[in-house]
Amino acid sequence: MTTDAVPTAGSEPTPSSGKSTNDGQRVLKTRAGYAWVGLVIAALLGIVVLIFILQNLEQAHVTLFTWNWNLPIGVLVLLSVVAGALGTALVGGYRILQLRRATKKNS
């Protein structure tokens, strides 16, 4: 008489959790793997940004309040994008704090 053994949770990867190797074993997807992919994509984007900056070295005159600068156009665009990202992060961070406060009040 044979009994069917019930596998414990997490003992075998599901078919959608990874690719098969040559010996039939499954390779699991991990956070470290996703982090590595993210780093590779970030490095490629960094190379594209560097190429953009190097191709746009013409000087542009910038005036902010009473300060005056001459910056390459590529650097100016990069600084504008960084300033926009920081502004977005500040607004998003403030909203997250609001939601946390509201959650604590309702708990």
N, C-alpha and C. Protein backbone atom coordinates (compact mmCIF):
# COMPACT_ATOMS: atom_id res chain seq x y z
N MET A 1 0.84 -1.17 0.00
CA MET A 1 0.00 0.00 0.00
C MET A 1 0.88 1.23 0.00
N THR A 2 0.64 2.15 -0.91
CA THR A 2 1.43 3.36 -0.97
C THR A 2 0.59 4.53 -0.49
N THR A 3 1.26 5.44 0.18
CA THR A 3 0.58 6.67 0.61
C THR A 3 1.22 7.84 -0.09
N ASP A 4 0.40 8.79 -0.42
CA ASP A 4 0.93 9.99 -1.07
C ASP A 4 1.45 10.94 -0.01
N ALA A 5 2.70 11.29 -0.11
CA ALA A 5 3.29 12.22 0.85
C ALA A 5 2.93 13.64 0.45
N VAL A 6 2.54 14.41 1.43
CA VAL A 6 2.20 15.80 1.20
C VAL A 6 3.46 16.63 1.44
N PRO A 7 3.95 17.36 0.42
CA PRO A 7 5.16 18.14 0.62
C PRO A 7 4.90 19.30 1.57
N THR A 8 5.91 19.64 2.33
CA THR A 8 5.80 20.79 3.24
C THR A 8 5.90 22.07 2.43
N ALA A 9 5.41 23.15 3.00
CA ALA A 9 5.40 24.44 2.31
C ALA A 9 6.82 24.88 2.01
N GLY A 10 7.06 25.22 0.77
CA GLY A 10 8.37 25.73 0.37
C GLY A 10 9.40 24.67 0.09
N SER A 11 9.02 23.39 0.13
CA SER A 11 10.01 22.35 -0.10
C SER A 11 10.41 22.24 -1.55
N GLU A 12 9.46 22.48 -2.47
CA GLU A 12 9.77 22.44 -3.89
C GLU A 12 9.27 23.70 -4.55
N PRO A 13 10.06 24.28 -5.44
CA PRO A 13 9.59 25.49 -6.12
C PRO A 13 8.44 25.16 -7.07
N THR A 14 7.57 26.10 -7.25
CA THR A 14 6.49 25.92 -8.21
C THR A 14 7.05 26.10 -9.61
N PRO A 15 6.37 25.58 -10.63
CA PRO A 15 6.88 25.69 -11.99
C PRO A 15 7.12 27.14 -12.43
N SER A 16 6.36 28.10 -11.90
CA SER A 16 6.54 29.48 -12.33
C SER A 16 7.61 30.21 -11.54
N SER A 17 8.27 29.53 -10.60
CA SER A 17 9.22 30.23 -9.74
C SER A 17 10.64 30.24 -10.28
N GLY A 18 10.91 29.66 -11.40
CA GLY A 18 12.27 29.71 -11.90
C GLY A 18 12.44 28.87 -13.15
N LYS A 19 13.66 28.89 -13.69
CA LYS A 19 13.98 28.13 -14.88
C LYS A 19 14.60 26.80 -14.48
N SER A 20 14.49 25.83 -15.36
CA SER A 20 15.11 24.54 -15.11
C SER A 20 16.57 24.57 -15.56
N THR A 21 17.41 23.90 -14.79
CA THR A 21 18.80 23.73 -15.19
C THR A 21 18.92 22.45 -16.01
N ASN A 22 20.13 22.13 -16.46
CA ASN A 22 20.33 20.94 -17.29
C ASN A 22 20.01 19.65 -16.53
N ASP A 23 20.20 19.63 -15.21
CA ASP A 23 19.95 18.41 -14.45
C ASP A 23 18.53 18.34 -13.90
N GLY A 24 17.63 19.22 -14.36
CA GLY A 24 16.24 19.15 -13.98
C GLY A 24 15.88 19.94 -12.72
N GLN A 25 16.87 20.47 -12.01
CA GLN A 25 16.57 21.24 -10.81
C GLN A 25 16.06 22.63 -11.19
N ARG A 26 15.29 23.21 -10.31
CA ARG A 26 14.74 24.55 -10.54
C ARG A 26 15.64 25.58 -9.87
N VAL A 27 15.80 26.72 -10.54
CA VAL A 27 16.55 27.83 -9.98
C VAL A 27 15.53 28.86 -9.51
N LEU A 28 15.57 29.19 -8.22
CA LEU A 28 14.60 30.12 -7.66
C LEU A 28 14.99 31.55 -7.96
N LYS A 29 13.96 32.39 -8.11
CA LYS A 29 14.18 33.82 -8.27
C LYS A 29 14.30 34.42 -6.87
N THR A 30 15.34 35.22 -6.65
CA THR A 30 15.57 35.78 -5.32
C THR A 30 15.61 37.29 -5.37
N ARG A 31 15.56 37.90 -4.21
CA ARG A 31 15.68 39.35 -4.12
C ARG A 31 17.05 39.81 -4.60
N ALA A 32 18.07 39.04 -4.29
CA ALA A 32 19.42 39.40 -4.74
C ALA A 32 19.49 39.39 -6.26
N GLY A 33 18.80 38.46 -6.88
CA GLY A 33 18.77 38.41 -8.34
C GLY A 33 18.09 39.62 -8.93
N TYR A 34 16.96 40.00 -8.32
CA TYR A 34 16.26 41.21 -8.79
C TYR A 34 17.10 42.46 -8.55
N ALA A 35 17.81 42.50 -7.42
CA ALA A 35 18.68 43.64 -7.14
C ALA A 35 19.80 43.73 -8.17
N TRP A 36 20.34 42.59 -8.55
CA TRP A 36 21.41 42.58 -9.56
C TRP A 36 20.89 43.10 -10.89
N VAL A 37 19.71 42.65 -11.28
CA VAL A 37 19.12 43.13 -12.53
C VAL A 37 18.89 44.64 -12.46
N GLY A 38 18.41 45.11 -11.32
CA GLY A 38 18.21 46.55 -11.13
C GLY A 38 19.50 47.33 -11.24
N LEU A 39 20.57 46.81 -10.68
CA LEU A 39 21.87 47.48 -10.77
C LEU A 39 22.39 47.52 -12.20
N VAL A 40 22.19 46.46 -12.93
CA VAL A 40 22.63 46.44 -14.34
C VAL A 40 21.84 47.47 -15.15
N ILE A 41 20.53 47.54 -14.92
CA ILE A 41 19.71 48.53 -15.63
C ILE A 41 20.12 49.94 -15.25
N ALA A 42 20.39 50.18 -13.97
CA ALA A 42 20.83 51.51 -13.52
C ALA A 42 22.17 51.87 -14.15
N ALA A 43 23.08 50.91 -14.26
CA ALA A 43 24.38 51.18 -14.89
C ALA A 43 24.20 51.54 -16.36
N LEU A 44 23.33 50.82 -17.06
CA LEU A 44 23.08 51.12 -18.47
C LEU A 44 22.46 52.51 -18.64
N LEU A 45 21.51 52.86 -17.76
CA LEU A 45 20.93 54.20 -17.81
C LEU A 45 21.97 55.26 -17.51
N GLY A 46 22.87 54.98 -16.58
CA GLY A 46 23.95 55.92 -16.28
C GLY A 46 24.85 56.16 -17.49
N ILE A 47 25.13 55.11 -18.23
CA ILE A 47 25.95 55.24 -19.44
C ILE A 47 25.22 56.10 -20.48
N VAL A 48 23.92 55.88 -20.63
CA VAL A 48 23.13 56.68 -21.58
C VAL A 48 23.14 58.15 -21.17
N VAL A 49 22.98 58.42 -19.87
CA VAL A 49 23.00 59.81 -19.38
C VAL A 49 24.38 60.44 -19.62
N LEU A 50 25.43 59.70 -19.37
CA LEU A 50 26.78 60.21 -19.61
C LEU A 50 26.99 60.55 -21.08
N ILE A 51 26.53 59.69 -21.97
CA ILE A 51 26.65 59.97 -23.41
C ILE A 51 25.86 61.23 -23.76
N PHE A 52 24.65 61.38 -23.20
CA PHE A 52 23.85 62.57 -23.45
C PHE A 52 24.59 63.83 -23.01
N ILE A 53 25.18 63.79 -21.82
CA ILE A 53 25.90 64.96 -21.31
C ILE A 53 27.10 65.28 -22.19
N LEU A 54 27.84 64.26 -22.59
CA LEU A 54 29.04 64.50 -23.41
C LEU A 54 28.69 65.02 -24.80
N GLN A 55 27.48 64.71 -25.30
CA GLN A 55 27.08 65.20 -26.61
C GLN A 55 26.45 66.59 -26.55
N ASN A 56 26.17 67.07 -25.35
CA ASN A 56 25.53 68.38 -25.18
C ASN A 56 26.39 69.26 -24.28
N LEU A 57 27.56 69.60 -24.76
CA LEU A 57 28.50 70.39 -23.97
C LEU A 57 28.45 71.89 -24.27
N GLU A 58 27.50 72.32 -25.08
CA GLU A 58 27.37 73.76 -25.34
C GLU A 58 26.97 74.46 -24.05
N GLN A 59 27.55 75.62 -23.83
CA GLN A 59 27.29 76.37 -22.59
C GLN A 59 25.93 77.09 -22.67
N ALA A 60 25.23 77.10 -21.55
CA ALA A 60 23.97 77.84 -21.43
C ALA A 60 24.09 78.75 -20.22
N HIS A 61 23.61 79.98 -20.36
CA HIS A 61 23.65 80.94 -19.26
C HIS A 61 22.42 80.72 -18.39
N VAL A 62 22.64 80.50 -17.08
CA VAL A 62 21.55 80.23 -16.14
C VAL A 62 21.54 81.32 -15.08
N THR A 63 20.35 81.87 -14.80
CA THR A 63 20.18 82.85 -13.74
C THR A 63 19.11 82.33 -12.80
N LEU A 64 19.45 82.22 -11.53
CA LEU A 64 18.51 81.80 -10.50
C LEU A 64 18.57 82.84 -9.39
N PHE A 65 17.50 83.59 -9.25
CA PHE A 65 17.43 84.71 -8.33
C PHE A 65 18.56 85.69 -8.66
N THR A 66 19.58 85.79 -7.83
CA THR A 66 20.69 86.71 -8.14
C THR A 66 21.95 85.98 -8.57
N TRP A 67 21.90 84.64 -8.62
CA TRP A 67 23.07 83.87 -9.01
C TRP A 67 23.08 83.65 -10.51
N ASN A 68 24.27 83.68 -11.11
CA ASN A 68 24.45 83.46 -12.54
C ASN A 68 25.49 82.37 -12.75
N TRP A 69 25.16 81.44 -13.66
CA TRP A 69 26.09 80.37 -14.00
C TRP A 69 26.13 80.17 -15.50
N ASN A 70 27.22 79.57 -15.95
CA ASN A 70 27.32 79.04 -17.30
C ASN A 70 27.54 77.54 -17.16
N LEU A 71 26.56 76.77 -17.59
CA LEU A 71 26.63 75.32 -17.47
C LEU A 71 26.43 74.67 -18.83
N PRO A 72 27.04 73.50 -19.05
CA PRO A 72 26.73 72.74 -20.26
C PRO A 72 25.25 72.33 -20.25
N ILE A 73 24.63 72.29 -21.41
CA ILE A 73 23.21 71.98 -21.51
C ILE A 73 22.90 70.59 -20.94
N GLY A 74 23.76 69.64 -21.19
CA GLY A 74 23.54 68.29 -20.66
C GLY A 74 23.52 68.26 -19.15
N VAL A 75 24.42 68.98 -18.52
CA VAL A 75 24.46 69.05 -17.05
C VAL A 75 23.23 69.78 -16.54
N LEU A 76 22.82 70.82 -17.25
CA LEU A 76 21.64 71.59 -16.86
C LEU A 76 20.38 70.71 -16.89
N VAL A 77 20.24 69.90 -17.92
CA VAL A 77 19.09 69.00 -18.01
C VAL A 77 19.15 67.97 -16.89
N LEU A 78 20.33 67.42 -16.63
CA LEU A 78 20.48 66.44 -15.56
C LEU A 78 20.11 67.04 -14.20
N LEU A 79 20.58 68.25 -13.92
CA LEU A 79 20.25 68.91 -12.66
C LEU A 79 18.75 69.19 -12.56
N SER A 80 18.13 69.53 -13.66
CA SER A 80 16.68 69.76 -13.66
C SER A 80 15.92 68.48 -13.33
N VAL A 81 16.34 67.38 -13.90
CA VAL A 81 15.70 66.09 -13.63
C VAL A 81 15.89 65.70 -12.17
N VAL A 82 17.09 65.90 -11.64
CA VAL A 82 17.35 65.58 -10.23
C VAL A 82 16.50 66.45 -9.31
N ALA A 83 16.40 67.74 -9.62
CA ALA A 83 15.57 68.64 -8.81
C ALA A 83 14.10 68.21 -8.86
N GLY A 84 13.62 67.83 -10.02
CA GLY A 84 12.25 67.35 -10.14
C GLY A 84 12.01 66.07 -9.35
N ALA A 85 12.98 65.15 -9.40
CA ALA A 85 12.86 63.89 -8.66
C ALA A 85 12.85 64.15 -7.16
N LEU A 86 13.70 65.08 -6.70
CA LEU A 86 13.73 65.40 -5.27
C LEU A 86 12.41 66.05 -4.83
N GLY A 87 11.88 66.93 -5.66
CA GLY A 87 10.58 67.54 -5.34
C GLY A 87 9.48 66.50 -5.25
N THR A 88 9.47 65.57 -6.18
CA THR A 88 8.48 64.49 -6.16
C THR A 88 8.65 63.62 -4.93
N ALA A 89 9.90 63.32 -4.57
CA ALA A 89 10.16 62.49 -3.38
C ALA A 89 9.71 63.21 -2.11
N LEU A 90 9.91 64.51 -2.04
CA LEU A 90 9.46 65.26 -0.86
C LEU A 90 7.95 65.23 -0.72
N VAL A 91 7.24 65.47 -1.81
CA VAL A 91 5.78 65.44 -1.78
C VAL A 91 5.29 64.03 -1.44
N GLY A 92 5.87 63.02 -2.05
CA GLY A 92 5.49 61.64 -1.76
C GLY A 92 5.78 61.25 -0.32
N GLY A 93 6.94 61.67 0.19
CA GLY A 93 7.29 61.38 1.59
C GLY A 93 6.34 62.03 2.57
N TYR A 94 5.94 63.27 2.28
CA TYR A 94 4.98 63.97 3.13
C TYR A 94 3.64 63.24 3.13
N ARG A 95 3.21 62.78 1.96
CA ARG A 95 1.94 62.05 1.87
C ARG A 95 2.01 60.74 2.64
N ILE A 96 3.12 60.05 2.59
CA ILE A 96 3.28 58.81 3.34
C ILE A 96 3.18 59.09 4.83
N LEU A 97 3.81 60.16 5.30
CA LEU A 97 3.70 60.53 6.72
C LEU A 97 2.26 60.82 7.10
N GLN A 98 1.52 61.52 6.24
CA GLN A 98 0.11 61.79 6.50
C GLN A 98 -0.67 60.49 6.65
N LEU A 99 -0.44 59.55 5.76
CA LEU A 99 -1.17 58.28 5.80
C LEU A 99 -0.81 57.47 7.04
N ARG A 100 0.46 57.51 7.46
CA ARG A 100 0.86 56.78 8.68
C ARG A 100 0.18 57.37 9.90
N ARG A 101 0.12 58.70 9.98
CA ARG A 101 -0.55 59.36 11.11
C ARG A 101 -2.02 58.99 11.13
N ALA A 102 -2.66 59.01 9.97
CA ALA A 102 -4.07 58.67 9.91
C ALA A 102 -4.32 57.22 10.32
N THR A 103 -3.41 56.32 9.94
CA THR A 103 -3.54 54.91 10.30
C THR A 103 -3.40 54.72 11.80
N LYS A 104 -2.45 55.43 12.42
CA LYS A 104 -2.27 55.32 13.87
C LYS A 104 -3.46 55.86 14.63
N LYS A 105 -4.08 56.94 14.13
CA LYS A 105 -5.25 57.51 14.77
C LYS A 105 -6.42 56.53 14.73
N ASN A 106 -6.57 55.83 13.62
CA ASN A 106 -7.70 54.92 13.45
C ASN A 106 -7.48 53.57 14.09
N SER A 107 -6.29 53.28 14.54
CA SER A 107 -5.99 51.96 15.15
C SER A 107 -6.39 51.91 16.60
